[in-house]
Amino acid sequence: MRWIWMIVGLIALLLGGFYAWPAPYKDFAALADKVDPAVRQSLLDFRTRYPPQHVLVDGQSWEYVALGEGAETILFLHGMTGAYDIWWQQMLALAPEYRVISLTYPPVDTLAGMSDGVLAVLDAAGVQQVNVVGSSLGGYLAQYLIATHPERIQRAVFANTFPPNELLAAKNGSLIKILPFLPTWLVMRVFRNSFVNNIYPAAGYSELVLAYMLEQAAGRMSKAQVMARAKAVIEPFDPPDPAALGIPVMIIEADNDPLVEKALRQQLKATYPTATVYTLHAVGHFPYLNEGDRYTALLRQFLGAGD
C-alpha cells in the first residue's frame, strides 16, 4: 500500500507543479527591441511622466490617468487585453485641446460593476460628462454606459467592437466556464499564440502591437482580469438608441479584424444605423496603436477639435 501512496503523492506533486508553474514575466522595454526607438521611448516616457492614480470601488482598485486642460473631456476605454496607457498616442496628441482620461479594468466581471468603476473614476477626476472612445470590450462598455447613464455621455466612438449579440457567447461560453480551472501560464500562452499568429499579421506585422500585447501576457494582465473581462464581454443588455438621446456616434471598424468577424460588424452598423462609419483597410484590431496618427485624425474630425 505504501507504494500506492507514493504514486498518489507523486501525481499530486506533478499536478501542483503543472498549475503552479509561473508565467514568464517581461516588461515592454524588454519586449520592444524591434519597435521604432522613438515610439518605444515615447511610451516609456509617458509611463514615467504620468503614473496612474487610483480610486477604490467595492474593494477593487481602479488605476487611471488624467491630463490636459480642455473644456471637454475624452474618456478612453480599452479592450480585453490592454491597460490605461494603450491610448498614450491619442492622449498626448489630444491633450492640448481636451482633458483626456484613460483607465485599466481591475477584475470586475459585470458591466454594472465596470460602469460603477468608470463613473467613480470620472467623479474622482471631477468630470461630469465625457466623449467616450471605446474599442472592443471598451466599445461594448461604451454602449452600456449610454444605455444606463446617457446623461454622462456627449458623443461616442464604438471601435473594433460589436453590439449585444449571441455569437460571442455561443463561441466562447464553454471556454469561459473552464478558464478558472486552467493554470495561468497556459492561459497566457494561448494569448501569446493568438497575438503572434493572428493579431500581429492583421496589424501589418506591427512590432508595436506585438510588443504591447506580449507584455499583457507576460505579467501585466492577471488571469483574474482575463476571466472577468471574458464574462463582461458576453453579458447581454438592451442596446441604447443614441439618436433618440441626441448622442452622436461614430463607428470605426477594420475590414480584416481578426477578433470581430464580419457578421458582428454588420450587426453593429444595423444596431446604430445613424452612426458615422469609417472602415479602415488592413489595420487589424488595434489601429490606434499601429495607425496612431490616422486614428487620432479620425477622432479629432468627429469630436470637432479646433472648431
Protein backbone atom coordinates (compact mmCIF):
# COMPACT_ATOMS: atom_id res chain seq x y z
CA MET A 1 0.00 0.00 0.00
CA ARG A 2 2.90 2.31 0.67
CA TRP A 3 3.91 2.42 -2.97
CA ILE A 4 0.35 3.41 -3.92
CA TRP A 5 0.51 6.43 -1.65
CA MET A 6 3.91 7.27 -3.05
CA ILE A 7 2.44 7.28 -6.56
CA VAL A 8 -0.51 9.37 -5.41
CA GLY A 9 1.88 11.83 -3.80
CA LEU A 10 3.99 11.99 -6.96
CA ILE A 11 0.93 12.65 -9.11
CA ALA A 12 -0.21 15.37 -6.70
CA LEU A 13 3.24 16.91 -6.82
CA LEU A 14 3.26 16.88 -10.62
CA LEU A 15 -0.23 18.37 -10.81
CA GLY A 16 0.74 21.02 -8.29
CA GLY A 17 3.76 21.89 -10.37
CA PHE A 18 1.63 21.99 -13.52
CA TYR A 19 -0.70 24.58 -12.00
CA ALA A 20 1.90 26.49 -10.03
CA TRP A 21 4.39 26.86 -12.87
CA PRO A 22 4.93 30.61 -13.16
CA ALA A 23 4.03 32.52 -16.29
CA PRO A 24 7.10 34.28 -17.73
CA TYR A 25 7.42 37.97 -16.84
CA LYS A 26 8.79 40.61 -19.23
CA ASP A 27 8.06 44.31 -19.47
CA PHE A 28 7.62 46.46 -22.57
CA ALA A 29 11.20 47.71 -22.54
CA ALA A 30 12.48 44.14 -22.80
CA LEU A 31 9.96 43.12 -25.46
CA ALA A 32 10.17 46.19 -27.70
CA ASP A 33 13.67 45.89 -29.14
CA LYS A 34 12.20 45.84 -32.69
CA VAL A 35 9.84 48.78 -32.11
CA ASP A 36 10.79 52.13 -33.61
CA PRO A 37 13.07 53.65 -30.94
CA ALA A 38 11.21 56.97 -30.85
CA VAL A 39 7.84 55.25 -30.40
CA ARG A 40 9.26 52.88 -27.81
CA GLN A 41 10.72 55.76 -25.80
CA SER A 42 7.51 57.77 -26.13
CA LEU A 43 5.52 55.08 -24.31
CA LEU A 44 8.19 54.60 -21.66
CA ASP A 45 8.33 58.36 -21.07
CA PHE A 46 4.53 58.52 -20.83
CA ARG A 47 4.55 55.88 -18.11
CA THR A 48 7.18 57.79 -16.18
CA ARG A 49 5.60 61.21 -16.59
CA TYR A 50 2.01 60.10 -15.91
CA PRO A 51 1.96 57.38 -13.25
CA PRO A 52 -1.58 56.15 -12.62
CA GLN A 53 -3.76 57.41 -9.82
CA HIS A 54 -6.10 55.03 -8.01
CA VAL A 55 -9.66 55.02 -6.76
CA LEU A 56 -11.15 52.19 -4.68
CA VAL A 57 -14.58 50.91 -5.74
CA ASP A 58 -16.20 47.93 -3.99
CA GLY A 59 -12.81 46.66 -2.87
CA GLN A 60 -11.22 46.93 -6.32
CA SER A 61 -8.51 49.44 -7.19
CA TRP A 62 -9.08 51.27 -10.46
CA GLU A 63 -5.99 52.88 -11.94
CA TYR A 64 -6.33 55.85 -14.24
CA VAL A 65 -4.52 58.83 -15.70
CA ALA A 66 -5.95 62.27 -16.43
CA LEU A 67 -4.17 65.03 -18.29
CA GLY A 68 -4.91 68.05 -20.46
CA GLU A 69 -6.89 71.18 -19.73
CA GLY A 70 -9.55 71.32 -22.44
CA ALA A 71 -13.14 72.33 -21.80
CA GLU A 72 -14.39 68.90 -22.93
CA THR A 73 -13.18 65.50 -21.78
CA ILE A 74 -12.42 62.33 -23.72
CA LEU A 75 -12.68 59.03 -21.85
CA PHE A 76 -10.75 56.15 -23.42
CA LEU A 77 -11.85 52.55 -22.74
CA HIS A 78 -9.54 49.70 -23.75
CA GLY A 79 -10.46 46.18 -24.79
CA MET A 80 -9.93 42.68 -23.41
CA THR A 81 -6.17 42.99 -23.49
CA GLY A 82 -4.94 46.43 -22.58
CA ALA A 83 -4.34 49.00 -19.89
CA TYR A 84 -4.69 52.75 -19.43
CA ASP A 85 -1.59 53.58 -21.48
CA ILE A 86 -2.59 51.70 -24.63
CA TRP A 87 -4.11 55.05 -25.72
CA TRP A 88 -0.98 57.08 -24.98
CA GLN A 89 -0.52 58.29 -28.57
CA GLN A 90 -4.06 59.68 -28.76
CA MET A 91 -3.85 61.13 -25.25
CA LEU A 92 -0.65 63.06 -25.93
CA ALA A 93 -1.94 64.33 -29.28
CA LEU A 94 -5.33 65.45 -27.96
CA ALA A 95 -4.34 66.74 -24.51
CA PRO A 96 -3.69 70.29 -25.80
CA GLU A 97 -7.35 70.51 -26.85
CA TYR A 98 -9.16 68.21 -24.41
CA ARG A 99 -8.90 66.77 -20.97
CA VAL A 100 -8.18 63.10 -21.56
CA ILE A 101 -8.76 60.21 -19.17
CA SER A 102 -7.88 56.55 -19.52
CA LEU A 103 -8.14 53.67 -17.07
CA THR A 104 -7.44 49.99 -16.51
CA TYR A 105 -10.16 47.49 -15.63
CA PRO A 106 -9.49 45.52 -12.45
CA PRO A 107 -11.04 42.02 -12.20
CA VAL A 108 -14.68 43.17 -12.25
CA ASP A 109 -16.86 40.71 -14.15
CA THR A 110 -20.14 42.56 -14.74
CA LEU A 111 -20.94 45.53 -16.92
CA ALA A 112 -22.71 47.17 -13.98
CA GLY A 113 -19.59 46.79 -11.85
CA MET A 114 -17.40 48.12 -14.64
CA SER A 115 -19.76 51.05 -15.13
CA ASP A 116 -19.61 51.84 -11.41
CA GLY A 117 -15.83 51.88 -11.58
CA VAL A 118 -15.75 54.13 -14.65
CA LEU A 119 -18.15 56.61 -13.08
CA ALA A 120 -16.14 56.61 -9.85
CA VAL A 121 -13.02 57.48 -11.85
CA LEU A 122 -14.86 60.34 -13.55
CA ASP A 123 -16.14 61.58 -10.21
CA ALA A 124 -12.64 61.40 -8.74
CA ALA A 125 -11.37 63.42 -11.69
CA GLY A 126 -14.18 65.96 -11.25
CA VAL A 127 -15.72 65.25 -14.65
CA GLN A 128 -19.46 65.19 -15.20
CA GLN A 129 -19.77 64.49 -18.94
CA VAL A 130 -17.43 62.89 -21.48
CA ASN A 131 -16.88 61.98 -25.08
CA VAL A 132 -16.30 58.24 -24.80
CA VAL A 133 -13.97 56.31 -27.12
CA GLY A 134 -14.14 52.57 -26.61
CA SER A 135 -12.52 49.73 -28.53
CA SER A 136 -13.55 46.06 -28.46
CA LEU A 137 -14.71 45.37 -24.86
CA GLY A 138 -14.35 49.11 -24.31
CA GLY A 139 -16.74 49.78 -27.18
CA TYR A 140 -19.20 47.31 -25.68
CA LEU A 141 -18.91 49.05 -22.33
CA ALA A 142 -19.40 52.43 -24.02
CA GLN A 143 -22.72 51.19 -25.41
CA TYR A 144 -23.71 50.03 -21.93
CA LEU A 145 -22.84 53.43 -20.47
CA ILE A 146 -25.11 55.14 -22.98
CA ALA A 147 -27.88 52.65 -22.18
CA THR A 148 -27.61 53.21 -18.42
CA HIS A 149 -26.10 56.68 -17.94
CA PRO A 150 -26.80 58.71 -21.08
CA GLU A 151 -26.55 61.95 -19.13
CA ARG A 152 -22.80 61.38 -18.73
CA ILE A 153 -22.10 60.98 -22.48
CA GLN A 154 -21.75 63.75 -25.10
CA ARG A 155 -20.52 61.74 -28.08
CA ALA A 156 -19.40 58.15 -28.52
CA VAL A 157 -16.99 56.18 -30.66
CA PHE A 158 -17.58 52.43 -30.94
CA ALA A 159 -14.38 50.98 -32.41
CA ASN A 160 -13.47 47.43 -33.45
CA THR A 161 -16.41 46.23 -31.43
CA PHE A 162 -19.83 44.58 -31.55
CA PRO A 163 -23.36 45.13 -30.22
CA PRO A 164 -25.13 42.85 -27.73
CA ASN A 165 -25.24 39.54 -29.58
CA GLU A 166 -25.45 35.77 -29.22
CA LEU A 167 -22.48 34.86 -31.41
CA LEU A 168 -19.72 35.53 -28.88
CA ALA A 169 -21.45 33.67 -26.07
CA ALA A 170 -22.12 30.68 -28.35
CA LYS A 171 -18.49 30.54 -29.47
CA ASN A 172 -16.76 31.32 -26.19
CA GLY A 173 -19.18 30.33 -23.44
CA SER A 174 -17.67 26.88 -22.85
CA LEU A 175 -14.13 28.25 -22.78
CA ILE A 176 -15.11 30.91 -20.25
CA LYS A 177 -16.53 28.22 -17.98
CA ILE A 178 -13.26 26.26 -17.87
CA LEU A 179 -10.96 29.29 -17.53
CA PRO A 180 -10.93 29.15 -13.70
CA PHE A 181 -9.50 25.62 -13.85
CA LEU A 182 -6.64 26.39 -16.23
CA PRO A 183 -3.22 27.38 -14.92
CA THR A 184 -2.17 30.98 -15.50
CA TRP A 185 0.81 30.07 -17.68
CA LEU A 186 -1.43 28.09 -20.04
CA VAL A 187 -3.99 30.91 -20.35
CA MET A 188 -1.23 33.38 -21.15
CA ARG A 189 0.39 31.00 -23.62
CA VAL A 190 -2.90 30.83 -25.53
CA PHE A 191 -2.99 34.63 -25.62
CA ARG A 192 0.63 34.82 -26.80
CA ASN A 193 -0.07 32.37 -29.62
CA SER A 194 -3.07 34.43 -30.70
CA PHE A 195 -1.03 37.62 -30.63
CA VAL A 196 1.74 36.13 -32.76
CA ASN A 197 -0.42 34.17 -35.20
CA ASN A 198 -3.48 36.42 -35.58
CA ILE A 199 -3.14 39.92 -34.13
CA TYR A 200 0.39 40.61 -35.39
CA PRO A 201 -0.18 39.71 -39.08
CA ALA A 202 -3.53 41.53 -39.20
CA ALA A 203 -1.81 44.67 -37.89
CA GLY A 204 0.62 44.61 -40.82
CA TYR A 205 3.27 42.95 -38.64
CA SER A 206 3.42 45.97 -36.36
CA GLU A 207 6.19 45.44 -33.82
CA LEU A 208 4.48 47.93 -31.50
CA VAL A 209 1.25 45.96 -31.43
CA LEU A 210 3.11 42.71 -30.83
CA ALA A 211 5.31 44.07 -28.04
CA TYR A 212 2.43 45.76 -26.22
CA MET A 213 0.26 42.64 -26.44
CA LEU A 214 3.04 40.30 -25.35
CA GLU A 215 3.61 42.46 -22.28
CA GLN A 216 -0.02 41.91 -21.32
CA ALA A 217 0.51 38.15 -21.39
CA ALA A 218 3.88 38.40 -19.65
CA GLY A 219 2.73 39.54 -16.25
CA ARG A 220 0.95 42.85 -16.74
CA MET A 221 -2.52 41.33 -17.09
CA SER A 222 -3.66 38.79 -14.50
CA LYS A 223 -5.70 35.66 -15.04
CA ALA A 224 -8.39 37.20 -12.81
CA GLN A 225 -8.63 40.16 -15.17
CA VAL A 226 -8.88 37.83 -18.17
CA MET A 227 -11.74 35.87 -16.58
CA ALA A 228 -13.62 38.99 -15.53
CA ARG A 229 -13.32 40.68 -18.92
CA ALA A 230 -14.34 37.48 -20.72
CA LYS A 231 -17.55 37.34 -18.67
CA ALA A 232 -18.36 41.01 -19.18
CA VAL A 233 -17.90 40.85 -22.94
CA ILE A 234 -20.73 38.33 -23.36
CA GLU A 235 -23.13 39.84 -20.81
CA PRO A 236 -26.37 40.78 -22.59
CA PHE A 237 -28.16 44.14 -22.33
CA ASP A 238 -30.65 46.12 -24.36
CA PRO A 239 -28.74 48.40 -26.74
CA PRO A 240 -29.42 52.13 -26.45
CA ASP A 241 -30.84 54.47 -29.07
CA PRO A 242 -28.20 57.20 -29.25
CA ALA A 243 -30.09 59.11 -31.94
CA ALA A 244 -33.14 59.43 -29.71
CA LEU A 245 -30.87 60.53 -26.87
CA GLY A 246 -29.15 63.12 -29.03
CA ILE A 247 -25.76 61.44 -28.75
CA PRO A 248 -23.71 61.40 -31.99
CA VAL A 249 -21.95 58.09 -32.65
CA MET A 250 -19.03 57.13 -34.86
CA ILE A 251 -18.17 53.51 -35.67
CA ILE A 252 -14.58 52.66 -36.56
CA GLU A 253 -14.09 49.19 -38.00
CA ALA A 254 -11.36 47.26 -39.77
CA ASP A 255 -12.11 45.09 -42.76
CA ASN A 256 -9.61 42.45 -41.58
CA ASP A 257 -10.32 42.49 -37.85
CA PRO A 258 -9.32 39.02 -36.59
CA LEU A 259 -11.38 39.34 -33.40
CA VAL A 260 -14.58 40.94 -34.71
CA GLU A 261 -15.96 38.92 -37.60
CA LYS A 262 -17.93 40.43 -40.46
CA ALA A 263 -21.30 39.30 -39.07
CA LEU A 264 -20.68 41.21 -35.84
CA ARG A 265 -19.53 44.31 -37.71
CA GLN A 266 -22.72 44.22 -39.74
CA GLN A 267 -24.82 43.79 -36.60
CA LEU A 268 -23.15 46.81 -35.03
CA LYS A 269 -23.97 49.03 -38.01
CA ALA A 270 -27.53 47.71 -38.12
CA THR A 271 -27.96 48.41 -34.40
CA TYR A 272 -26.80 52.02 -34.83
CA PRO A 273 -27.99 52.98 -38.33
CA THR A 274 -27.46 56.73 -37.85
CA ALA A 275 -23.80 56.35 -36.86
CA THR A 276 -20.99 57.71 -38.98
CA VAL A 277 -18.94 54.73 -40.18
CA TYR A 278 -15.25 54.62 -41.06
CA THR A 279 -13.91 51.35 -42.43
CA LEU A 280 -10.13 51.05 -42.23
CA HIS A 281 -8.34 48.67 -44.57
CA ALA A 282 -5.88 46.02 -43.42
CA VAL A 283 -5.12 47.54 -40.00
CA GLY A 284 -6.30 44.75 -37.69
CA HIS A 285 -7.82 45.01 -34.22
CA PHE A 286 -5.62 47.73 -32.69
CA PRO A 287 -5.42 50.56 -35.26
CA TYR A 288 -4.98 53.15 -32.51
CA LEU A 289 -1.57 51.54 -31.95
CA ASN A 290 -0.28 50.73 -35.43
CA GLU A 291 -2.10 53.62 -37.17
CA GLY A 292 -1.89 56.12 -34.32
CA ASP A 293 -1.79 59.38 -36.31
CA ARG A 294 -4.55 58.30 -38.68
CA TYR A 295 -6.72 57.15 -35.80
CA THR A 296 -6.23 60.38 -33.89
CA ALA A 297 -7.18 62.37 -37.00
CA LEU A 298 -10.49 60.47 -37.18
CA LEU A 299 -11.21 61.24 -33.54
CA ARG A 300 -10.30 64.90 -33.95
CA GLN A 301 -12.55 65.18 -37.00
CA PHE A 302 -15.51 63.53 -35.27
CA LEU A 303 -15.16 65.28 -31.95
CA GLY A 304 -14.73 68.69 -33.60
CA ALA A 305 -11.33 69.63 -32.21
CA GLY A 306 -10.35 73.13 -33.28
CA ASP A 307 -13.91 74.20 -34.18
